[in-house]
C-alpha atoms as a PDB file:
ATOM      1  CA  MET A   1      32.453  -7.687   3.746  1.00  0.00           C
ATOM      2  CA  ILE A   2      29.503  -5.413   4.417  1.00  0.00           C
ATOM      3  CA  ASP A   3      26.321  -6.727   5.997  1.00  0.00           C
ATOM      4  CA  VAL A   4      23.688  -6.067   3.334  1.00  0.00           C
ATOM      5  CA  SER A   5      23.599  -5.357  -0.374  1.00  0.00           C
ATOM      6  CA  VAL A   6      20.271  -3.668  -1.117  1.00  0.00           C
ATOM      7  CA  ILE A   7      19.296  -4.373  -4.737  1.00  0.00           C
ATOM      8  CA  ILE A   8      16.535  -2.382  -6.411  1.00  0.00           C
ATOM      9  CA  VAL A   9      15.356  -2.800  -9.997  1.00  0.00           C
ATOM     10  CA  ASN A  10      14.427   0.435 -11.743  1.00  0.00           C
ATOM     11  CA  TYR A  11      11.862   0.614 -14.505  1.00  0.00           C
ATOM     12  CA  ARG A  12      11.176   4.310 -14.885  1.00  0.00           C
ATOM     13  CA  THR A  13      10.535   4.887 -11.170  1.00  0.00           C
ATOM     14  CA  PRO A  14      13.392   7.172 -10.035  1.00  0.00           C
ATOM     15  CA  GLU A  15      11.116   9.224  -7.762  1.00  0.00           C
ATOM     16  CA  LEU A  16       9.971   6.104  -5.934  1.00  0.00           C
ATOM     17  CA  ILE A  17      13.556   4.922  -5.560  1.00  0.00           C
ATOM     18  CA  VAL A  18      14.595   8.224  -4.000  1.00  0.00           C
ATOM     19  CA  ASP A  19      11.696   8.027  -1.547  1.00  0.00           C
ATOM     20  CA  CYS A  20      12.657   4.430  -0.718  1.00  0.00           C
ATOM     21  CA  LEU A  21      16.329   5.292  -0.217  1.00  0.00           C
ATOM     22  CA  LYS A  22      15.451   8.152   2.131  1.00  0.00           C
ATOM     23  CA  THR A  23      13.657   5.690   4.403  1.00  0.00           C
ATOM     24  CA  ILE A  24      16.529   3.198   4.214  1.00  0.00           C
ATOM     25  CA  GLN A  25      18.926   5.944   5.264  1.00  0.00           C
ATOM     26  CA  GLN A  26      16.638   7.023   8.095  1.00  0.00           C
ATOM     27  CA  PHE A  27      15.884   3.615   9.585  1.00  0.00           C
ATOM     28  CA  THR A  28      19.022   1.542   8.898  1.00  0.00           C
ATOM     29  CA  THR A  29      21.638   2.443  11.509  1.00  0.00           C
ATOM     30  CA  LYS A  30      22.969  -0.794  13.002  1.00  0.00           C
ATOM     31  CA  VAL A  31      24.241  -2.652   9.935  1.00  0.00           C
ATOM     32  CA  SER A  32      26.491  -1.646   7.062  1.00  0.00           C
ATOM     33  CA  TYR A  33      24.964  -1.646   3.611  1.00  0.00           C
ATOM     34  CA  GLU A  34      25.411  -0.729  -0.023  1.00  0.00           C
ATOM     35  CA  VAL A  35      22.731   0.094  -2.575  1.00  0.00           C
ATOM     36  CA  ILE A  36      22.758  -1.297  -6.104  1.00  0.00           C
ATOM     37  CA  VAL A  37      20.198  -0.105  -8.642  1.00  0.00           C
ATOM     38  CA  VAL A  38      19.832  -2.176 -11.812  1.00  0.00           C
ATOM     39  CA  ASP A  39      18.213  -0.143 -14.560  1.00  0.00           C
ATOM     40  CA  ASN A  40      15.769  -1.688 -17.027  1.00  0.00           C
ATOM     41  CA  GLN A  41      15.921   0.663 -20.018  1.00  0.00           C
ATOM     42  CA  SER A  42      15.156   4.082 -18.569  1.00  0.00           C
ATOM     43  CA  LYS A  43      13.874   6.749 -20.939  1.00  0.00           C
ATOM     44  CA  GLY A  44      15.087   9.782 -19.029  1.00  0.00           C
ATOM     45  CA  ASP A  45      18.071  10.567 -16.829  1.00  0.00           C
ATOM     46  CA  ASP A  46      16.960   8.302 -13.994  1.00  0.00           C
ATOM     47  CA  GLU A  47      20.549   7.701 -12.934  1.00  0.00           C
ATOM     48  CA  GLY A  48      21.299  11.405 -12.657  1.00  0.00           C
ATOM     49  CA  TYR A  49      18.109  12.025 -10.696  1.00  0.00           C
ATOM     50  CA  VAL A  50      18.904   9.341  -8.117  1.00  0.00           C
ATOM     51  CA  LYS A  51      22.644   9.898  -7.832  1.00  0.00           C
ATOM     52  CA  LYS A  52      22.229  13.639  -7.351  1.00  0.00           C
ATOM     53  CA  LEU A  53      20.757  12.816  -3.943  1.00  0.00           C
ATOM     54  CA  PHE A  54      22.507   9.484  -3.348  1.00  0.00           C
ATOM     55  CA  PRO A  55      25.877   9.601  -5.167  1.00  0.00           C
ATOM     56  CA  GLU A  56      27.060   6.445  -3.398  1.00  0.00           C
ATOM     57  CA  VAL A  57      24.505   4.287  -5.231  1.00  0.00           C
ATOM     58  CA  LYS A  58      26.004   1.764  -7.628  1.00  0.00           C
ATOM     59  CA  TRP A  59      24.040   2.071 -10.892  1.00  0.00           C
ATOM     60  CA  ILE A  60      24.107  -0.850 -13.350  1.00  0.00           C
ATOM     61  CA  PRO A  61      22.360  -0.480 -16.739  1.00  0.00           C
ATOM     62  CA  MET A  62      20.858  -3.632 -18.261  1.00  0.00           C
ATOM     63  CA  GLY A  63      20.605  -2.060 -21.714  1.00  0.00           C
ATOM     64  CA  TYR A  64      17.127  -3.484 -22.279  1.00  0.00           C
ATOM     65  CA  ASN A  65      13.980  -4.247 -20.294  1.00  0.00           C
ATOM     66  CA  ALA A  66      15.169  -7.533 -18.824  1.00  0.00           C
ATOM     67  CA  GLY A  67      12.370  -7.941 -16.327  1.00  0.00           C
ATOM     68  CA  PHE A  68      12.713  -8.655 -12.622  1.00  0.00           C
ATOM     69  CA  GLY A  69      14.709 -11.869 -12.374  1.00  0.00           C
ATOM     70  CA  ARG A  70      17.539 -11.118 -14.791  1.00  0.00           C
ATOM     71  CA  ALA A  71      18.018  -7.618 -13.403  1.00  0.00           C
ATOM     72  CA  ASN A  72      18.190  -8.845  -9.813  1.00  0.00           C
ATOM     73  CA  ASN A  73      20.610 -11.610 -10.796  1.00  0.00           C
ATOM     74  CA  LEU A  74      22.961  -9.024 -12.280  1.00  0.00           C
ATOM     75  CA  GLY A  75      22.678  -6.981  -9.112  1.00  0.00           C
ATOM     76  CA  MET A  76      23.483  -9.989  -6.945  1.00  0.00           C
ATOM     77  CA  LYS A  77      26.484 -10.860  -9.119  1.00  0.00           C
ATOM     78  CA  ASN A  78      27.885  -7.414  -8.338  1.00  0.00           C
ATOM     79  CA  ALA A  79      26.968  -7.395  -4.642  1.00  0.00           C
ATOM     80  CA  ARG A  80      29.482  -7.449  -1.789  1.00  0.00           C
ATOM     81  CA  GLY A  81      27.205  -8.117   1.195  1.00  0.00           C
ATOM     82  CA  ARG A  82      26.856 -11.256   3.242  1.00  0.00           C
ATOM     83  CA  TYR A  83      23.117 -10.781   2.791  1.00  0.00           C
ATOM     84  CA  PHE A  84      21.345  -9.682  -0.380  1.00  0.00           C
ATOM     85  CA  LEU A  85      18.137  -7.695   0.098  1.00  0.00           C
ATOM     86  CA  LEU A  86      15.884  -7.585  -2.943  1.00  0.00           C
ATOM     87  CA  LEU A  87      13.648  -4.561  -2.484  1.00  0.00           C
ATOM     88  CA  ASN A  88      10.928  -3.156  -4.719  1.00  0.00           C
ATOM     89  CA  SER A  89      11.215   0.480  -5.738  1.00  0.00           C
ATOM     90  CA  ASP A  90       7.679   1.133  -4.461  1.00  0.00           C
ATOM     91  CA  THR A  91       8.452   0.099  -0.886  1.00  0.00           C
ATOM     92  CA  LYS A  92       9.227   2.295   2.101  1.00  0.00           C
ATOM     93  CA  LEU A  93      10.608   1.618   5.536  1.00  0.00           C
ATOM     94  CA  PHE A  94       8.899   3.022   8.617  1.00  0.00           C
ATOM     95  CA  GLU A  95      10.982   1.166  11.202  1.00  0.00           C
ATOM     96  CA  ASP A  96      14.380  -0.548  11.445  1.00  0.00           C
ATOM     97  CA  VAL A  97      13.306  -3.557   9.367  1.00  0.00           C
ATOM     98  CA  ILE A  98      16.687  -4.129   7.673  1.00  0.00           C
ATOM     99  CA  ASP A  99      18.539  -4.050  10.984  1.00  0.00           C
ATOM    100  CA  GLN A 100      15.957  -6.368  12.512  1.00  0.00           C
ATOM    101  CA  CYS A 101      15.938  -8.834   9.626  1.00  0.00           C
ATOM    102  CA  VAL A 102      19.735  -9.144   9.722  1.00  0.00           C
ATOM    103  CA  GLN A 103      19.589  -9.698  13.486  1.00  0.00           C
ATOM    104  CA  ASN A 104      16.924 -12.377  13.077  1.00  0.00           C
ATOM    105  CA  LEU A 105      18.810 -14.242  10.350  1.00  0.00           C
ATOM    106  CA  ASP A 106      22.068 -14.073  12.320  1.00  0.00           C
ATOM    107  CA  LYS A 107      20.232 -15.924  15.102  1.00  0.00           C
ATOM    108  CA  ARG A 108      18.742 -18.491  12.716  1.00  0.00           C
ATOM    109  CA  PRO A 109      21.496 -20.401  10.883  1.00  0.00           C
ATOM    110  CA  ASP A 110      18.818 -22.894   9.793  1.00  0.00           C
ATOM    111  CA  ALA A 111      17.195 -20.184   7.629  1.00  0.00           C
ATOM    112  CA  ILE A 112      18.377 -19.390   4.111  1.00  0.00           C
ATOM    113  CA  ALA A 113      16.198 -16.294   3.684  1.00  0.00           C
ATOM    114  CA  GLY A 114      13.901 -13.916   5.532  1.00  0.00           C
ATOM    115  CA  GLY A 115      11.037 -11.642   4.612  1.00  0.00           C
ATOM    116  CA  ALA A 116       8.772  -8.951   6.001  1.00  0.00           C
ATOM    117  CA  TYR A 117       5.049  -8.428   6.284  1.00  0.00           C
ATOM    118  CA  GLN A 118       3.617  -5.906   3.856  1.00  0.00           C
ATOM    119  CA  PHE A 119       1.373  -2.972   4.741  1.00  0.00           C
ATOM    120  CA  TYR A 120      -0.459  -0.246   2.865  1.00  0.00           C
ATOM    121  CA  PRO A 121       0.676   3.373   3.436  1.00  0.00           C
ATOM    122  CA  ASP A 122      -2.008   3.759   6.114  1.00  0.00           C
ATOM    123  CA  LEU A 123      -0.438   0.727   7.868  1.00  0.00           C
ATOM    124  CA  THR A 124      -3.343  -1.620   7.290  1.00  0.00           C
ATOM    125  CA  PRO A 125      -2.088  -5.123   6.472  1.00  0.00           C
ATOM    126  CA  ARG A 126      -1.824  -6.265   2.876  1.00  0.00           C
ATOM    127  CA  ALA A 127      -3.009  -9.739   1.935  1.00  0.00           C
ATOM    128  CA  PHE A 128      -0.341 -11.631   0.023  1.00  0.00           C
ATOM    129  CA  TYR A 129       0.566 -15.253  -0.536  1.00  0.00           C
ATOM    130  CA  HIS A 130       3.169 -17.280   1.353  1.00  0.00           C
ATOM    131  CA  THR A 131       2.231 -20.810   0.269  1.00  0.00           C
ATOM    132  CA  PHE A 132       2.260 -22.663  -3.029  1.00  0.00           C
ATOM    133  CA  THR A 133      -1.438 -23.412  -2.522  1.00  0.00           C
ATOM    134  CA  PHE A 134      -2.297 -20.095  -4.189  1.00  0.00           C
ATOM    135  CA  ARG A 135      -2.259 -22.136  -7.397  1.00  0.00           C
ATOM    136  CA  ARG A 136      -5.815 -23.114  -6.439  1.00  0.00           C
ATOM    137  CA  ASP A 137      -6.836 -19.747  -7.858  1.00  0.00           C
ATOM    138  CA  PHE A 138      -5.576 -20.770 -11.298  1.00  0.00           C
ATOM    139  CA  TRP A 139      -8.433 -23.254 -11.591  1.00  0.00           C
ATOM    140  CA  ILE A 140     -11.863 -22.080 -12.678  1.00  0.00           C
ATOM    141  CA  THR A 141     -14.023 -24.143 -10.377  1.00  0.00           C
ATOM    142  CA  PRO A 142     -17.786 -24.068  -9.747  1.00  0.00           C
ATOM    143  CA  PRO A 143     -18.393 -23.120  -6.087  1.00  0.00           C
ATOM    144  CA  SER A 144     -19.904 -26.529  -5.344  1.00  0.00           C
ATOM    145  CA  LEU A 145     -16.623 -28.223  -6.322  1.00  0.00           C
ATOM    146  CA  ARG A 146     -14.296 -25.833  -4.545  1.00  0.00           C
ATOM    147  CA  LYS A 147     -14.135 -27.990  -1.401  1.00  0.00           C
ATOM    148  CA  TYR A 148     -12.676 -30.864  -3.429  1.00  0.00           C
ATOM    149  CA  LEU A 149     -10.005 -28.598  -4.872  1.00  0.00           C
ATOM    150  CA  ASP A 150      -9.108 -27.476  -1.353  1.00  0.00           C
ATOM    151  CA  LYS A 151      -8.616 -31.107  -0.356  1.00  0.00           C
ATOM    152  CA  LEU A 152      -6.498 -31.862  -3.414  1.00  0.00           C
ATOM    153  CA  ILE A 153      -4.267 -28.844  -2.758  1.00  0.00           C
ATOM    154  CA  PRO A 154      -4.044 -28.469   1.042  1.00  0.00           C
ATOM    155  CA  TYR A 155      -2.191 -25.700   2.802  1.00  0.00           C
ATOM    156  CA  THR A 156       1.403 -26.427   3.747  1.00  0.00           C
ATOM    157  CA  SER A 157       1.802 -26.877   7.488  1.00  0.00           C
ATOM    158  CA  TYR A 158       5.043 -26.132   9.356  1.00  0.00           C
ATOM    159  CA  GLU A 159       5.925 -26.460  13.028  1.00  0.00           C
ATOM    160  CA  ASP A 160       7.701 -23.103  12.841  1.00  0.00           C
ATOM    161  CA  PRO A 161       4.950 -20.426  12.687  1.00  0.00           C
ATOM    162  CA  GLU A 162       7.203 -18.095  10.681  1.00  0.00           C
ATOM    163  CA  GLN A 163       8.150 -20.639   8.015  1.00  0.00           C
ATOM    164  CA  VAL A 164       6.659 -20.272   4.534  1.00  0.00           C
ATOM    165  CA  ASP A 165       6.893 -21.924   1.117  1.00  0.00           C
ATOM    166  CA  TYR A 166       8.322 -18.822  -0.525  1.00  0.00           C
ATOM    167  CA  ILE A 167       8.912 -15.137   0.179  1.00  0.00           C
ATOM    168  CA  ALA A 168       7.522 -12.353  -1.980  1.00  0.00           C
ATOM    169  CA  ALA A 169      10.491 -10.545  -3.506  1.00  0.00           C
ATOM    170  CA  ALA A 170       9.194  -7.059  -2.684  1.00  0.00           C
ATOM    171  CA  PHE A 171      11.358  -7.610   0.427  1.00  0.00           C
ATOM    172  CA  LEU A 172      13.494 -10.728   0.297  1.00  0.00           C
ATOM    173  CA  MET A 173      16.709 -10.999   2.289  1.00  0.00           C
ATOM    174  CA  VAL A 174      18.751 -14.027   1.260  1.00  0.00           C
ATOM    175  CA  ARG A 175      22.112 -15.256   2.422  1.00  0.00           C
ATOM    176  CA  ARG A 176      24.891 -14.852  -0.129  1.00  0.00           C
ATOM    177  CA  GLU A 177      25.280 -18.630  -0.340  1.00  0.00           C
ATOM    178  CA  GLY A 178      21.621 -18.901  -1.295  1.00  0.00           C
ATOM    179  CA  PHE A 179      22.393 -17.076  -4.514  1.00  0.00           C
ATOM    180  CA  GLU A 180      25.729 -18.772  -5.066  1.00  0.00           C
ATOM    181  CA  LYS A 181      24.318 -22.289  -4.679  1.00  0.00           C
ATOM    182  CA  THR A 182      21.164 -21.792  -6.748  1.00  0.00           C
ATOM    183  CA  GLY A 183      22.277 -19.278  -9.362  1.00  0.00           C
ATOM    184  CA  GLY A 184      19.461 -16.944  -8.409  1.00  0.00           C
ATOM    185  CA  PHE A 185      16.249 -16.447 -10.323  1.00  0.00           C
ATOM    186  CA  ASP A 186      15.380 -18.593 -13.311  1.00  0.00           C
ATOM    187  CA  GLU A 187      16.019 -16.178 -16.170  1.00  0.00           C
ATOM    188  CA  GLU A 188      13.286 -17.593 -18.382  1.00  0.00           C
ATOM    189  CA  PHE A 189      10.791 -15.558 -16.323  1.00  0.00           C
ATOM    190  CA  PHE A 190      10.271 -11.976 -17.464  1.00  0.00           C
ATOM    191  CA  LEU A 191       8.057 -10.800 -14.648  1.00  0.00           C
ATOM    192  CA  TYR A 192       6.089 -12.492 -11.841  1.00  0.00           C
ATOM    193  CA  GLY A 193       6.407 -16.097 -10.699  1.00  0.00           C
ATOM    194  CA  GLU A 194      10.176 -15.928 -10.463  1.00  0.00           C
ATOM    195  CA  ASP A 195      10.191 -15.460  -6.681  1.00  0.00           C
ATOM    196  CA  THR A 196       7.820 -18.410  -6.258  1.00  0.00           C
ATOM    197  CA  GLU A 197      10.007 -20.690  -8.362  1.00  0.00           C
ATOM    198  CA  TRP A 198      13.213 -19.542  -6.630  1.00  0.00           C
ATOM    199  CA  GLY A 199      11.576 -20.064  -3.252  1.00  0.00           C
ATOM    200  CA  TYR A 200      11.125 -23.746  -4.065  1.00  0.00           C
ATOM    201  CA  ARG A 201      14.844 -24.132  -4.811  1.00  0.00           C
ATOM    202  CA  LEU A 202      15.946 -21.998  -1.864  1.00  0.00           C
ATOM    203  CA  GLY A 203      13.774 -24.120   0.413  1.00  0.00           C
ATOM    204  CA  LYS A 204      16.023 -27.092  -0.310  1.00  0.00           C
ATOM    205  CA  LEU A 205      18.916 -25.209   1.326  1.00  0.00           C
ATOM    206  CA  GLY A 206      17.184 -24.012   4.472  1.00  0.00           C
ATOM    207  CA  LYS A 207      14.045 -22.501   5.946  1.00  0.00           C
ATOM    208  CA  LEU A 208      12.317 -19.483   4.462  1.00  0.00           C
ATOM    209  CA  LEU A 209      10.929 -17.286   7.230  1.00  0.00           C
ATOM    210  CA  VAL A 210       8.679 -14.232   7.257  1.00  0.00           C
ATOM    211  CA  PHE A 211       9.429 -12.494  10.531  1.00  0.00           C
ATOM    212  CA  LYS A 212       6.528 -11.151  12.551  1.00  0.00           C
ATOM    213  CA  ASP A 213       8.641  -8.246  13.810  1.00  0.00           C
ATOM    214  CA  CYS A 214       9.603  -7.105  10.291  1.00  0.00           C
ATOM    215  CA  ARG A 215       7.227  -4.803   8.416  1.00  0.00           C
ATOM    216  CA  ILE A 216       7.389  -2.611   5.304  1.00  0.00           C
ATOM    217  CA  ILE A 217       5.070  -0.353   3.340  1.00  0.00           C
ATOM    218  CA  HIS A 218       4.446  -1.654  -0.170  1.00  0.00           C
ATOM    219  CA  GLU A 219       2.439   0.577  -2.463  1.00  0.00           C
ATOM    220  CA  GLU A 220       2.714  -1.806  -5.465  1.00  0.00           C
ATOM    221  CA  TRP A 221       2.369  -1.183  -9.193  1.00  0.00           C
ATOM    222  CA  GLY A 222       4.743   1.765  -8.970  1.00  0.00           C
ATOM    223  CA  SER A 223       5.828   1.371 -12.595  1.00  0.00           C
ATOM    224  CA  LYS A 224       2.340   0.494 -13.831  1.00  0.00           C
ATOM    225  CA  PRO A 225      -0.326   2.431 -11.885  1.00  0.00           C
ATOM    226  CA  GLU A 226      -2.946   1.607 -14.525  1.00  0.00           C
ATOM    227  CA  ARG A 227      -3.068  -1.891 -13.007  1.00  0.00           C
ATOM    228  CA  TYR A 228      -5.357  -0.494 -10.302  1.00  0.00           C
ATOM    229  CA  GLU A 229      -7.926   0.468 -12.932  1.00  0.00           C
ATOM    230  CA  GLU A 230      -7.515  -2.817 -14.805  1.00  0.00           C
ATOM    231  CA  ALA A 231      -8.215  -4.746 -11.616  1.00  0.00           C
ATOM    232  CA  GLN A 232     -11.612  -3.072 -11.335  1.00  0.00           C
ATOM    233  CA  ASN A 233     -12.679  -4.825 -14.539  1.00  0.00           C
ATOM    234  CA  TYR A 234     -11.878  -8.349 -13.357  1.00  0.00           C
ATOM    235  CA  THR A 235     -14.631 -10.967 -13.424  1.00  0.00           C
ATOM    236  CA  TYR A 236     -14.666 -14.580 -12.285  1.00  0.00           C
ATOM    237  CA  PHE A 237     -13.493 -15.759 -15.700  1.00  0.00           C
ATOM    238  CA  ASN A 238     -11.516 -12.701 -16.780  1.00  0.00           C
ATOM    239  CA  ARG A 239      -9.360 -12.391 -13.682  1.00  0.00           C
ATOM    240  CA  PHE A 240      -5.995 -13.239 -15.235  1.00  0.00           C
ATOM    241  CA  ASP A 241      -3.405 -10.617 -16.077  1.00  0.00           C
ATOM    242  CA  GLU A 242      -1.809 -12.228 -19.122  1.00  0.00           C
ATOM    243  CA  GLN A 243       1.832 -11.728 -18.095  1.00  0.00           C
ATOM    244  CA  ILE A 244       1.232 -12.783 -14.495  1.00  0.00           C
ATOM    245  CA  GLN A 245      -0.642 -15.925 -15.435  1.00  0.00           C
ATOM    246  CA  LEU A 246       1.776 -16.899 -18.205  1.00  0.00           C
ATOM    247  CA  SER A 247       4.584 -16.787 -15.639  1.00  0.00           C
ATOM    248  CA  ASN A 248       2.469 -18.812 -13.227  1.00  0.00           C
ATOM    249  CA  LEU A 249       1.889 -21.466 -15.892  1.00  0.00           C
ATOM    250  CA  VAL A 250       5.624 -21.660 -16.537  1.00  0.00           C
ATOM    251  CA  TRP A 251       6.180 -22.108 -12.802  1.00  0.00           C
ATOM    252  CA  ILE A 252       3.543 -24.872 -12.639  1.00  0.00           C
ATOM    253  CA  ARG A 253       5.287 -26.757 -15.453  1.00  0.00           C
ATOM    254  CA  LYS A 254       8.719 -26.398 -13.840  1.00  0.00           C
ATOM    255  CA  GLN A 255       7.690 -27.344 -10.302  1.00  0.00           C
ATOM    256  CA  TYR A 256       4.785 -29.764 -10.758  1.00  0.00           C
ATOM    257  CA  GLY A 257       5.458 -31.339 -14.130  1.00  0.00           C
ATOM    258  CA  ALA A 258       3.953 -31.675 -17.590  1.00  0.00           C
ATOM    259  CA  LEU A 259       0.765 -33.524 -16.543  1.00  0.00           C
ATOM    260  CA  HIS A 260      -0.294 -30.894 -14.028  1.00  0.00           C
ATOM    261  CA  TYR A 261       0.345 -28.144 -16.577  1.00  0.00           C
ATOM    262  CA  PHE A 262      -1.502 -30.031 -19.344  1.00  0.00           C
ATOM    263  CA  LEU A 263      -4.563 -30.632 -17.162  1.00  0.00           C
ATOM    264  CA  MET A 264      -4.699 -26.969 -16.247  1.00  0.00           C
ATOM    265  CA  MET A 265      -4.563 -25.919 -19.900  1.00  0.00           C
ATOM    266  CA  LEU A 266      -7.118 -28.596 -20.835  1.00  0.00           C
ATOM    267  CA  HIS A 267      -9.612 -27.244 -18.358  1.00  0.00           C
ATOM    268  CA  TYR A 268      -9.128 -23.724 -19.781  1.00  0.00           C
ATOM    269  CA  TRP A 269      -9.764 -25.023 -23.304  1.00  0.00           C
ATOM    270  CA  ILE A 270     -12.935 -26.775 -22.148  1.00  0.00           C
ATOM    271  CA  TRP A 271     -14.154 -23.624 -20.425  1.00  0.00           C
ATOM    272  CA  VAL A 272     -13.891 -21.500 -23.601  1.00  0.00           C
ATOM    273  CA  PRO A 273     -16.844 -23.120 -25.473  1.00  0.00           C
ATOM    274  CA  THR A 274     -18.652 -23.779 -22.190  1.00  0.00           C
ATOM    275  CA  PHE A 275     -18.527 -20.096 -21.253  1.00  0.00           C
ATOM    276  CA  PHE A 276     -19.927 -19.142 -24.670  1.00  0.00           C
ATOM    277  CA  LEU A 277     -22.671 -21.751 -24.388  1.00  0.00           C
ATOM    278  CA  MET A 278     -23.681 -20.535 -20.939  1.00  0.00           C
ATOM    279  CA  LYS A 279     -24.166 -16.996 -22.248  1.00  0.00           C
ATOM    280  CA  ILE A 280     -26.018 -18.112 -25.377  1.00  0.00           C
ATOM    281  CA  VAL A 281     -28.451 -20.199 -23.311  1.00  0.00           C
ATOM    282  CA  SER A 282     -28.911 -17.281 -20.905  1.00  0.00           C
ATOM    283  CA  ASN A 283     -29.733 -14.967 -23.814  1.00  0.00           C
ATOM    284  CA  LEU A 284     -32.266 -17.437 -25.232  1.00  0.00           C
ATOM    285  CA  LEU A 285     -33.991 -17.780 -21.870  1.00  0.00           C
ATOM    286  CA  LYS A 286     -34.295 -14.003 -21.748  1.00  0.00           C
ATOM    287  CA  LEU A 287     -35.709 -14.002 -25.312  1.00  0.00           C
ATOM    288  CA  LYS A 288     -32.712 -12.039 -26.569  1.00  0.00           C
ATOM    289  CA  ASN A 289     -30.472 -12.519 -29.580  1.00  0.00           C
ATOM    290  CA  PRO A 290     -28.362 -15.559 -28.593  1.00  0.00           C
ATOM    291  CA  PHE A 291     -25.175 -13.804 -29.723  1.00  0.00           C
ATOM    292  CA  ASP A 292     -25.715 -10.560 -27.821  1.00  0.00           C
ATOM    293  CA  ASP A 293     -23.227  -9.286 -25.262  1.00  0.00           C
ATOM    294  CA  LEU A 294     -20.444 -11.840 -25.734  1.00  0.00           C
ATOM    295  CA  TYR A 295     -17.660  -9.413 -24.808  1.00  0.00           C
ATOM    296  CA  ASN A 296     -16.506 -11.291 -21.689  1.00  0.00           C
ATOM    297  CA  GLN A 297     -16.571 -14.605 -23.538  1.00  0.00           C
ATOM    298  CA  LYS A 298     -14.434 -13.224 -26.371  1.00  0.00           C
ATOM    299  CA  ARG A 299     -12.071 -11.612 -23.914  1.00  0.00           C
ATOM    300  CA  PHE A 300     -11.642 -14.902 -22.061  1.00  0.00           C
ATOM    301  CA  ALA A 301     -11.068 -16.797 -25.328  1.00  0.00           C
ATOM    302  CA  ASN A 302      -8.414 -14.281 -26.382  1.00  0.00           C
ATOM    303  CA  THR A 303      -6.605 -14.646 -23.055  1.00  0.00           C
ATOM    304  CA  ILE A 304      -6.555 -18.446 -23.276  1.00  0.00           C
ATOM    305  CA  GLY A 305      -5.365 -18.041 -26.862  1.00  0.00           C
ATOM    306  CA  VAL A 306      -2.362 -16.066 -25.628  1.00  0.00           C
ATOM    307  CA  PHE A 307      -1.488 -18.823 -23.137  1.00  0.00           C
ATOM    308  CA  SER A 308      -1.999 -21.486 -25.800  1.00  0.00           C
ATOM    309  CA  GLY A 309       0.540 -19.775 -28.049  1.00  0.00           C
ATOM    310  CA  PHE A 310       3.234 -20.765 -25.540  1.00  0.00           C
ATOM    311  CA  PHE A 311       1.901 -24.294 -24.936  1.00  0.00           C
ATOM    312  CA  TRP A 312       4.514 -26.344 -26.792  1.00  0.00           C
ATOM    313  CA  LYS A 313       7.421 -24.246 -25.562  1.00  0.00           C
ATOM    314  CA  ILE A 314       6.274 -24.707 -21.978  1.00  0.00           C
ATOM    315  CA  ILE A 315       5.377 -28.386 -22.085  1.00  0.00           C
ATOM    316  CA  LEU A 316       8.597 -29.299 -23.943  1.00  0.00           C
ATOM    317  CA  LYS A 317      10.618 -27.023 -21.591  1.00  0.00           C
ATOM    318  CA  LYS A 318      12.107 -25.178 -24.526  1.00  0.00           C
ATOM    319  CA  PRO A 319      14.398 -22.409 -23.208  1.00  0.00           C
ATOM    320  CA  THR A 320      12.418 -19.221 -23.748  1.00  0.00           C
ATOM    321  CA  PHE A 321      12.168 -15.712 -22.358  1.00  0.00           C
ATOM    322  CA  TYR A 322       8.500 -15.754 -21.400  1.00  0.00           C
ATOM    323  CA  LYS A 323       7.582 -12.160 -22.105  1.00  0.00           C
ATOM    324  CA  ILE A 324       4.285 -11.053 -23.645  1.00  0.00           C
ATOM    325  CA  LYS A 325       4.925  -8.182 -26.030  1.00  0.00           C
END
């Protein structure tokens, strides 16, 4: 058995994968590894491009755009390592992080999985979540009430400073038995939220640790660079990417139950007319047409409408592939 099976999902990012593999080859010298690339419906000859430089790569075609969870599950089913490393195509190594993570996990039999801290290409730290309390951000709360929400959803506290609720799957090293005992990602998720949900189930088997001496570069949005521009248009109400938040709502239902999910949706439904009313009153006070400039309100209503279209499937836990077309 080899030490690590590195699993990368490809969605039209062969150049990024080649750059990633070059850094793996450069900085991974102490452990044995294999590389498995699971392809989500490439348009060009992505396989030929990658294997020309790295012929040893095992290339597995999904045959359709299966999203992140299903593709990684197929990769793990075909993996031979004692550890599985799920690695984003838009990551790069700049030190021996794979060697170090294996060494750390070998010393920690109480841990089921390990992760790394993420950095921008200029090596400034990235901010990213490690606790389930990020669900606070799903609630649209007036600033004066935010302190009450913080009390209702407190941060998780662990004695081990490296222990977390879940590990972001841009770099997630899990023991083989972690996959075998849980079945891997929940395949109802298309994209986003699947690592959070799996983290909850993995946490029942052992600790999840993000090691302070493990670091990677994560550029992010490699297959969808337009996300950077979209993020510039976010507002307090219109801050939800539809696919990301749909997956988060599915996770909330699965982990916290129907009531929690229903209350979250109820508060969105209440905010739709409230948001319109706020703008109409503002227009009247400014002696403007009350129905002027309602773009953000309509955009918010459309987004909540998309979520509402999945309401009964989610609350009744109807098996569904939660993908927004």
